[in-house]
C-alpha cells in the first residue's frame, strides 16, 4: 500500500510514523559542532558518526533569521514564501518595518498543513519575533521562550509553560533562552508526543563566542543533552541552522564596518538614497544591527555609478542589481532594493554610523548575512542510505529529509 503523503508548496511529504523534531540552531556553522565533538563535550552528536546522517547544506541568502526559519518551515525559498529579511522597506506604507507580521507571508507552512490534516504539532521558538510567522494558521502549540510567562491556551495552544518546563523565564540576552526551548521540547515530547515539532533557538552565544571556545562548547554540550533525551523518546531528529557566523573584525579585534549610507550621502547628497539592513530586529545589543547584506534604494540613473563605487570598496564581496540578486538568491524582487550589497567574511555593512549603537558590544563583533555564512549543518539521528552525495542540500530540505529519506 502506498504511503500517504501531504503536498505543501509543491513538495510531497510522507506522514510521520514516529515523532519528528526539526531543530534550527541559530547561528550554528558546522565548526561549532565539530569543535564541541573534538573536545568531548557532545557525546550524543559524536555517536551519530556512522549511525546517523551528517550533511552540509546551504542556507538562504541573506543569511538571517527570519528568511531562513520561514524557508525551513515552508520548504521553499523566499521567492515563494516572501520573507526576505528581518526588516525591509514596505513600499505600500512607505516605511521601514519589521517583517514579522504574517501578512507578509505568501505561502503556508508545513506545520500548519500537517496540523490541519490531523497531526499533533508543536512549535517552540526562542524569540517572540518569529512566533506569529511560525504559528501562522497553526492549530497546535506555538509559543516563545521569551514570553513563556504570557502563554494562553487560546493564543498559544498551551498554558502553564513555565510550570511545564520547570525553569524561570530566561533573559532574551542569554544562553538560557535557547536551553528553555530544548527543555520545553523534551517536556512536550514526554507529555503530548507531537507528530511534528519545530524548535528554534537564538544566536546570542554564537554572536559572542567563536567555535571551540568554552562558552560555545558549553552551549553545544547543553544542546547535546536534550537531543539525547529526544532520541531516547523515539523521535526522528533533524538539526540544521538558519545561518553561520563569522568575526567581522580586523587583526586587533576592532569592528570592520562599511557605513554605506554615509558614503552614499557624501557622493549624492543626503536624502537621495536609502540603505536598508535586513538584519535589523528588536535584539541588536549583540550585533549592533550590523550584518553582511544590505539593500539600497536610489534613482535608476545612479545605480550603475553607485554599484561600481561600492563594488570597488575593500571588504565588499559583490554588488548586484535587483534582478540579478532576485535570481541568484531566490528573493522576491518587490521586497528588495535597487542594489544588493554583500560583504566578504571579515566585514560588516552599516547604514550611517550615527544610527548604530555599538556600546552593547562587550566582545569582538561577530555577525552574518552574507555568502560566507551560508554553509550550515544538516544532521539526523538516523541513517539515510539512499542519500545522494552530489545533491545540493538546503536547510529548507530539513522536513523533506526527516519525512521522506530517513527510515
Protein backbone atom coordinates (compact mmCIF):
# COMPACT_ATOMS: atom_id res chain seq x y z
CA UNK A 1 0.00 0.00 0.00
CA UNK A 2 1.34 3.44 -0.89
CA UNK A 3 2.47 5.69 1.92
CA UNK A 4 0.10 8.61 2.45
CA UNK A 5 1.63 11.96 1.58
CA UNK A 6 0.74 15.60 2.03
CA UNK A 7 1.75 18.18 -0.57
CA UNK A 8 2.81 21.59 0.71
CA UNK A 9 4.08 24.35 -1.59
CA UNK A 10 4.61 21.84 -4.40
CA UNK A 11 6.57 19.31 -2.32
CA UNK A 12 5.20 15.97 -1.15
CA UNK A 13 5.86 14.83 2.42
CA UNK A 14 5.12 11.42 3.90
CA UNK A 15 3.04 11.19 7.02
CA UNK A 16 5.33 10.61 10.03
CA UNK A 17 5.32 7.12 11.52
CA UNK A 18 7.14 8.32 14.63
CA UNK A 19 7.57 11.81 16.14
CA UNK A 20 9.70 14.15 14.01
CA UNK A 21 11.66 17.01 15.59
CA UNK A 22 13.32 19.59 13.35
CA UNK A 23 15.74 21.85 15.20
CA UNK A 24 17.02 25.16 13.85
CA UNK A 25 20.12 26.17 15.83
CA UNK A 26 20.53 29.89 15.26
CA UNK A 27 23.97 30.90 14.01
CA UNK A 28 25.41 27.39 14.10
CA UNK A 29 28.11 26.97 11.49
CA UNK A 30 29.36 23.36 11.29
CA UNK A 31 32.55 24.13 13.21
CA UNK A 32 30.63 24.76 16.44
CA UNK A 33 29.59 21.12 16.41
CA UNK A 34 32.96 19.87 15.11
CA UNK A 35 34.88 21.62 17.88
CA UNK A 36 32.49 20.51 20.61
CA UNK A 37 32.72 16.89 19.47
CA UNK A 38 36.51 17.13 19.33
CA UNK A 39 36.57 18.42 22.92
CA UNK A 40 34.36 15.58 24.14
CA UNK A 41 31.51 17.95 25.01
CA UNK A 42 28.92 16.38 22.67
CA UNK A 43 28.87 12.58 23.08
CA UNK A 44 25.41 12.11 21.56
CA UNK A 45 26.30 14.00 18.38
CA UNK A 46 29.67 12.24 18.25
CA UNK A 47 27.92 8.86 18.35
CA UNK A 48 25.94 9.73 15.19
CA UNK A 49 29.11 9.24 13.13
CA UNK A 50 28.29 6.06 11.24
CA UNK A 51 24.83 5.76 12.81
CA UNK A 52 23.17 8.96 11.67
CA UNK A 53 23.26 11.32 8.72
CA UNK A 54 25.73 14.19 8.52
CA UNK A 55 25.41 16.59 5.60
CA UNK A 56 26.43 20.18 4.95
CA UNK A 57 23.74 22.36 3.45
CA UNK A 58 23.30 25.88 2.12
CA UNK A 59 21.06 28.33 3.89
CA UNK A 60 19.16 31.14 2.23
CA UNK A 61 20.99 34.40 1.47
CA UNK A 62 20.54 36.83 3.11
CA UNK A 63 21.72 34.52 5.86
CA UNK A 64 19.44 35.98 8.54
CA UNK A 65 16.95 34.50 10.99
CA UNK A 66 13.52 35.25 9.53
CA UNK A 67 14.06 34.26 5.89
CA UNK A 68 15.74 31.01 6.86
CA UNK A 69 13.32 29.92 9.57
CA UNK A 70 10.44 30.54 7.19
CA UNK A 71 12.23 28.69 4.41
CA UNK A 72 12.68 25.69 6.72
CA UNK A 73 9.03 25.54 7.77
CA UNK A 74 7.66 26.14 4.26
CA UNK A 75 10.22 24.01 2.40
CA UNK A 76 10.75 26.71 -0.22
CA UNK A 77 12.96 29.82 -0.74
CA UNK A 78 11.93 33.45 -0.07
CA UNK A 79 10.91 33.94 -3.70
CA UNK A 80 7.94 31.72 -2.81
CA UNK A 81 7.19 32.50 0.84
CA UNK A 82 8.03 36.21 0.64
CA UNK A 83 10.07 36.71 3.85
CA UNK A 84 13.44 38.04 2.65
CA UNK A 85 14.80 39.62 5.83
CA UNK A 86 14.06 40.58 9.40
CA UNK A 87 13.42 44.15 8.25
CA UNK A 88 12.56 45.82 4.94
CA UNK A 89 11.20 48.87 3.17
CA UNK A 90 7.45 48.42 2.75
CA UNK A 91 6.56 50.43 -0.35
CA UNK A 92 2.84 50.12 0.40
CA UNK A 93 3.10 52.02 3.68
CA UNK A 94 6.23 53.99 2.70
CA UNK A 95 8.09 52.97 5.83
CA UNK A 96 10.86 50.75 7.21
CA UNK A 97 9.18 47.91 9.08
CA UNK A 98 9.85 44.59 10.78
CA UNK A 99 8.93 41.65 8.58
CA UNK A 100 7.40 39.64 11.42
CA UNK A 101 3.74 40.11 10.55
CA UNK A 102 2.04 37.08 8.95
CA UNK A 103 0.52 39.38 6.33
CA UNK A 104 3.93 39.37 4.64
CA UNK A 105 3.90 35.57 4.33
CA UNK A 106 2.98 34.35 0.84
CA UNK A 107 2.96 30.59 1.46
CA UNK A 108 1.58 28.26 4.09
CA UNK A 109 3.82 26.26 6.40
CA UNK A 110 4.38 22.51 6.54
CA UNK A 111 3.45 22.71 10.22
CA UNK A 112 0.04 24.27 9.61
CA UNK A 113 -0.72 21.89 6.75
CA UNK A 114 0.01 18.78 8.82
CA UNK A 115 -1.95 20.16 11.76
CA UNK A 116 -4.94 20.83 9.51
CA UNK A 117 -4.65 17.22 8.33
CA UNK A 118 -4.96 15.97 11.89
CA UNK A 119 -1.34 15.78 13.06
CA UNK A 120 -0.36 16.94 16.53
CA UNK A 121 2.10 19.84 16.05
CA UNK A 122 4.18 21.90 18.49
CA UNK A 123 6.48 24.89 17.91
CA UNK A 124 8.80 26.49 20.44
CA UNK A 125 10.93 29.44 19.38
CA UNK A 126 13.40 31.42 21.44
CA UNK A 127 12.49 34.93 20.33
CA UNK A 128 8.93 36.11 20.10
CA UNK A 129 9.60 37.90 16.79
CA UNK A 130 9.23 34.55 14.99
CA UNK A 131 6.23 33.19 16.83
CA UNK A 132 3.48 34.77 14.72
CA UNK A 133 5.12 33.73 11.45
CA UNK A 134 5.91 30.16 12.53
CA UNK A 135 2.47 29.76 14.03
CA UNK A 136 0.51 31.25 11.13
CA UNK A 137 -2.79 29.33 10.81
CA UNK A 138 -1.37 26.59 13.02
CA UNK A 139 -3.85 24.53 15.03
CA UNK A 140 -1.48 23.42 17.74
CA UNK A 141 1.05 24.60 20.30
CA UNK A 142 3.19 27.62 19.41
CA UNK A 143 4.97 29.86 21.92
CA UNK A 144 8.27 31.62 22.55
CA UNK A 145 10.71 31.19 25.40
CA UNK A 146 10.94 34.98 25.56
CA UNK A 147 7.27 35.30 26.55
CA UNK A 148 6.63 31.90 28.08
CA UNK A 149 5.07 33.62 31.09
CA UNK A 150 2.31 35.07 28.90
CA UNK A 151 1.03 31.96 27.11
CA UNK A 152 -2.66 31.14 26.94
CA UNK A 153 -4.48 28.14 25.60
CA UNK A 154 -6.47 30.38 23.26
CA UNK A 155 -3.43 32.20 21.87
CA UNK A 156 -0.68 29.57 22.09
CA UNK A 157 -2.42 26.21 22.46
CA UNK A 158 -0.88 25.75 25.90
CA UNK A 159 -0.96 27.21 29.39
CA UNK A 160 1.43 26.95 32.30
CA UNK A 161 4.56 26.80 30.12
CA UNK A 162 6.89 27.85 32.93
CA UNK A 163 5.49 25.18 35.23
CA UNK A 164 5.74 22.55 32.49
CA UNK A 165 9.38 23.35 31.69
CA UNK A 166 10.45 23.88 35.29
CA UNK A 167 12.73 26.82 34.51
CA UNK A 168 12.39 30.53 35.32
CA UNK A 169 11.66 32.93 32.49
CA UNK A 170 15.05 33.43 30.80
CA UNK A 171 16.60 36.72 29.70
CA UNK A 172 16.40 37.34 25.96
CA UNK A 173 20.16 38.00 26.07
CA UNK A 174 21.26 34.67 27.49
CA UNK A 175 22.11 31.08 26.61
CA UNK A 176 19.23 30.10 28.89
CA UNK A 177 16.75 31.34 26.27
CA UNK A 178 17.84 28.54 23.95
CA UNK A 179 18.01 25.99 26.76
CA UNK A 180 14.39 26.80 27.58
CA UNK A 181 13.45 25.87 24.00
CA UNK A 182 15.12 22.46 24.27
CA UNK A 183 13.76 21.79 27.76
CA UNK A 184 10.26 22.67 26.54
CA UNK A 185 10.68 20.36 23.57
CA UNK A 186 11.58 17.42 25.81
CA UNK A 187 8.70 18.09 28.20
CA UNK A 188 6.21 18.37 25.34
CA UNK A 189 7.51 15.14 23.82
CA UNK A 190 7.12 13.37 27.16
CA UNK A 191 3.65 14.77 27.83
CA UNK A 192 1.99 15.18 24.42
CA UNK A 193 4.18 13.24 21.96
CA UNK A 194 3.61 15.57 18.98
CA UNK A 195 3.80 14.11 15.48
CA UNK A 196 5.81 17.15 14.31
CA UNK A 197 7.82 19.54 16.45
CA UNK A 198 9.87 22.58 15.44
CA UNK A 199 12.42 24.08 17.83
CA UNK A 200 14.22 27.31 17.00
CA UNK A 201 16.96 28.82 19.20
CA UNK A 202 18.74 32.18 19.46
CA UNK A 203 22.33 33.01 18.40
CA UNK A 204 23.24 35.04 21.48
CA UNK A 205 26.15 32.69 22.29
CA UNK A 206 27.39 32.48 18.69
CA UNK A 207 27.47 36.26 18.32
CA UNK A 208 29.83 36.43 21.30
CA UNK A 209 31.84 33.22 21.11
CA UNK A 210 33.80 31.52 18.33
CA UNK A 211 33.69 27.74 17.77
CA UNK A 212 35.77 25.80 20.26
CA UNK A 213 35.69 28.44 22.99
CA UNK A 214 34.39 27.38 26.42
CA UNK A 215 31.00 29.19 26.08
CA UNK A 216 30.45 27.72 22.59
CA UNK A 217 31.34 24.19 23.69
CA UNK A 218 29.12 24.56 26.76
CA UNK A 219 26.22 25.60 24.52
CA UNK A 220 26.63 22.56 22.25
CA UNK A 221 27.01 20.32 25.32
CA UNK A 222 23.68 21.63 26.64
CA UNK A 223 22.05 21.02 23.28
CA UNK A 224 23.59 17.55 23.09
CA UNK A 225 21.99 16.50 26.39
CA UNK A 226 18.49 17.46 25.25
CA UNK A 227 18.94 15.89 21.81
CA UNK A 228 19.89 12.64 23.54
CA UNK A 229 16.66 12.79 25.57
CA UNK A 230 14.58 13.35 22.43
CA UNK A 231 16.35 10.42 20.81
CA UNK A 232 15.61 8.24 23.83
CA UNK A 233 11.95 9.20 23.46
CA UNK A 234 11.97 7.70 19.96
CA UNK A 235 11.93 10.88 17.89
CA UNK A 236 13.47 11.28 14.47
CA UNK A 237 15.64 14.40 14.81
CA UNK A 238 16.95 16.64 12.04
CA UNK A 239 19.19 19.50 13.12
CA UNK A 240 20.13 22.40 10.90
CA UNK A 241 20.83 26.13 11.22
CA UNK A 242 19.45 29.36 9.83
CA UNK A 243 22.96 30.69 9.10
CA UNK A 244 26.58 30.51 10.13
CA UNK A 245 28.60 33.16 11.97
CA UNK A 246 31.93 34.91 11.43
CA UNK A 247 34.09 37.53 13.10
CA UNK A 248 33.70 40.94 11.46
CA UNK A 249 36.93 42.42 12.79
CA UNK A 250 40.49 43.31 11.92
CA UNK A 251 43.58 41.65 13.42
CA UNK A 252 43.23 43.75 16.60
CA UNK A 253 39.61 42.73 17.12
CA UNK A 254 38.22 46.09 16.01
CA UNK A 255 34.97 46.10 14.01
CA UNK A 256 35.38 46.16 10.22
CA UNK A 257 32.38 48.21 9.09
CA UNK A 258 31.44 49.90 5.82
CA UNK A 259 28.86 52.60 6.55
CA UNK A 260 27.04 52.65 3.22
CA UNK A 261 24.57 55.45 3.96
CA UNK A 262 27.37 57.82 4.98
CA UNK A 263 29.20 57.08 1.73
CA UNK A 264 26.11 57.50 -0.44
CA UNK A 265 25.18 60.76 1.29
CA UNK A 266 28.67 62.06 0.59
CA UNK A 267 28.55 61.01 -3.06
CA UNK A 268 24.99 62.02 -3.97
CA UNK A 269 23.63 64.18 -1.15
CA UNK A 270 21.63 63.38 1.97
CA UNK A 271 18.14 62.04 1.34
CA UNK A 272 18.81 60.88 -2.21
CA UNK A 273 19.30 57.22 -1.31
CA UNK A 274 18.09 54.78 1.32
CA UNK A 275 20.06 51.89 2.83
CA UNK A 276 18.10 49.04 4.43
CA UNK A 277 19.82 46.48 6.66
CA UNK A 278 17.65 43.33 6.77
CA UNK A 279 19.44 42.08 9.92
CA UNK A 280 17.70 44.78 11.97
CA UNK A 281 15.39 43.44 14.67
CA UNK A 282 14.46 44.35 18.26
CA UNK A 283 17.51 42.49 19.64
CA UNK A 284 20.53 44.50 18.50
CA UNK A 285 22.70 44.56 21.64
CA UNK A 286 24.88 41.66 20.50
CA UNK A 287 25.35 42.74 16.86
CA UNK A 288 24.54 46.44 16.67
CA UNK A 289 22.30 45.83 13.60
CA UNK A 290 25.45 45.12 11.59
CA UNK A 291 25.44 42.25 9.10
CA UNK A 292 26.88 41.32 5.73
CA UNK A 293 23.88 42.06 3.49
CA UNK A 294 22.28 45.38 2.58
CA UNK A 295 19.83 46.70 0.02
CA UNK A 296 19.89 50.20 -1.44
CA UNK A 297 17.07 52.25 -2.92
CA UNK A 298 18.17 55.01 -5.30
CA UNK A 299 17.37 56.72 -8.59
CA UNK A 300 17.81 54.41 -11.61
CA UNK A 301 20.32 56.74 -13.25
CA UNK A 302 22.63 56.42 -10.23
CA UNK A 303 22.55 52.64 -9.94
CA UNK A 304 25.47 51.89 -12.26
CA UNK A 305 27.76 54.53 -10.74
CA UNK A 306 26.86 53.61 -7.15
CA UNK A 307 27.31 49.91 -7.89
CA UNK A 308 30.75 50.48 -9.36
CA UNK A 309 31.88 52.68 -6.46
CA UNK A 310 30.62 50.31 -3.80
CA UNK A 311 31.98 47.26 -5.60
CA UNK A 312 35.45 48.79 -5.54
CA UNK A 313 35.44 49.20 -1.74
CA UNK A 314 37.72 46.88 0.25
CA UNK A 315 35.59 44.32 2.08
CA UNK A 316 32.77 44.21 -0.47
CA UNK A 317 32.13 40.78 -1.95
CA UNK A 318 29.64 41.69 -4.65
CA UNK A 319 27.05 44.25 -5.75
CA UNK A 320 24.03 43.07 -7.70
CA UNK A 321 21.04 44.69 -9.34
CA UNK A 322 17.59 43.84 -8.03
CA UNK A 323 17.01 41.47 -10.92
CA UNK A 324 20.37 39.70 -10.54
CA UNK A 325 20.02 39.38 -6.77
CA UNK A 326 16.48 38.04 -7.04
CA UNK A 327 17.60 35.36 -9.48
CA UNK A 328 20.80 34.39 -7.69
CA UNK A 329 19.42 34.30 -4.14
CA UNK A 330 15.78 33.33 -4.91
CA UNK A 331 14.33 36.52 -3.42
CA UNK A 332 11.05 38.36 -4.09
CA UNK A 333 12.09 41.31 -6.30
CA UNK A 334 9.39 43.62 -4.94
CA UNK A 335 10.84 43.41 -1.42
CA UNK A 336 14.48 44.26 -2.02
CA UNK A 337 16.22 47.45 -3.12
CA UNK A 338 17.58 48.57 -6.47
CA UNK A 339 21.01 47.30 -5.46
CA UNK A 340 22.03 44.46 -3.17
CA UNK A 341 25.42 44.59 -1.44
CA UNK A 342 27.12 41.58 0.14
CA UNK A 343 30.32 41.98 2.15
CA UNK A 344 33.13 39.47 2.48
CA UNK A 345 33.73 37.26 5.50
CA UNK A 346 35.51 39.73 7.81
CA UNK A 347 33.44 42.84 7.01
CA UNK A 348 30.05 44.10 8.18
CA UNK A 349 27.75 46.60 6.48
CA UNK A 350 26.13 49.53 8.27
CA UNK A 351 23.91 52.41 7.22
CA UNK A 352 25.07 55.66 8.88
CA UNK A 353 27.50 55.46 11.79
CA UNK A 354 25.20 57.63 13.89
CA UNK A 355 22.39 55.05 13.57
CA UNK A 356 24.37 52.20 15.14
CA UNK A 357 24.87 51.90 18.89
CA UNK A 358 27.91 49.69 19.50
CA UNK A 359 28.05 50.37 23.23
CA UNK A 360 26.49 46.98 23.97
CA UNK A 361 29.26 45.05 22.23
CA UNK A 362 31.28 43.53 25.06
CA UNK A 363 33.08 41.12 22.73
CA UNK A 364 34.61 41.47 19.23
CA UNK A 365 31.89 41.83 16.60
CA UNK A 366 30.61 38.57 15.14
CA UNK A 367 27.75 38.58 12.65
CA UNK A 368 26.25 37.09 9.49
CA UNK A 369 24.15 37.77 6.42
CA UNK A 370 26.47 37.05 3.51
CA UNK A 371 27.53 34.14 1.35
CA UNK A 372 30.36 33.46 3.81
CA UNK A 373 27.77 32.37 6.40
CA UNK A 374 25.78 30.17 4.01
CA UNK A 375 27.15 26.72 4.89
CA UNK A 376 25.27 25.06 7.75
CA UNK A 377 24.93 21.57 9.23
CA UNK A 378 22.13 19.20 8.28
CA UNK A 379 22.35 16.31 10.74
CA UNK A 380 19.93 13.49 11.57
CA UNK A 381 19.90 10.79 14.21
CA UNK A 382 19.00 8.15 11.61
CA UNK A 383 20.89 6.98 8.56
CA UNK A 384 19.62 7.84 5.10
CA UNK A 385 21.22 5.14 2.95
CA UNK A 386 19.76 6.42 -0.31
CA UNK A 387 21.05 9.99 0.01
CA UNK A 388 22.96 11.28 -3.00
CA UNK A 389 26.38 12.71 -2.19
CA UNK A 390 26.23 15.08 -5.18
CA UNK A 391 22.84 16.54 -4.22
CA UNK A 392 22.86 20.20 -3.18
CA UNK A 393 21.13 20.13 0.18
CA UNK A 394 19.47 23.25 1.58
CA UNK A 395 18.50 23.90 5.16
CA UNK A 396 14.91 24.09 3.98
CA UNK A 397 15.16 20.42 2.97
CA UNK A 398 15.03 19.54 6.69
CA UNK A 399 11.43 18.29 6.70
CA UNK A 400 11.97 16.55 3.37
CA UNK A 401 14.96 14.74 4.86
CA UNK A 402 13.09 13.81 8.04
CA UNK A 403 9.86 12.62 6.42
CA UNK A 404 10.96 11.28 3.03
CA UNK A 405 14.54 10.00 3.30
CA UNK A 406 15.06 8.55 6.78
CA UNK A 407 13.80 5.13 7.91
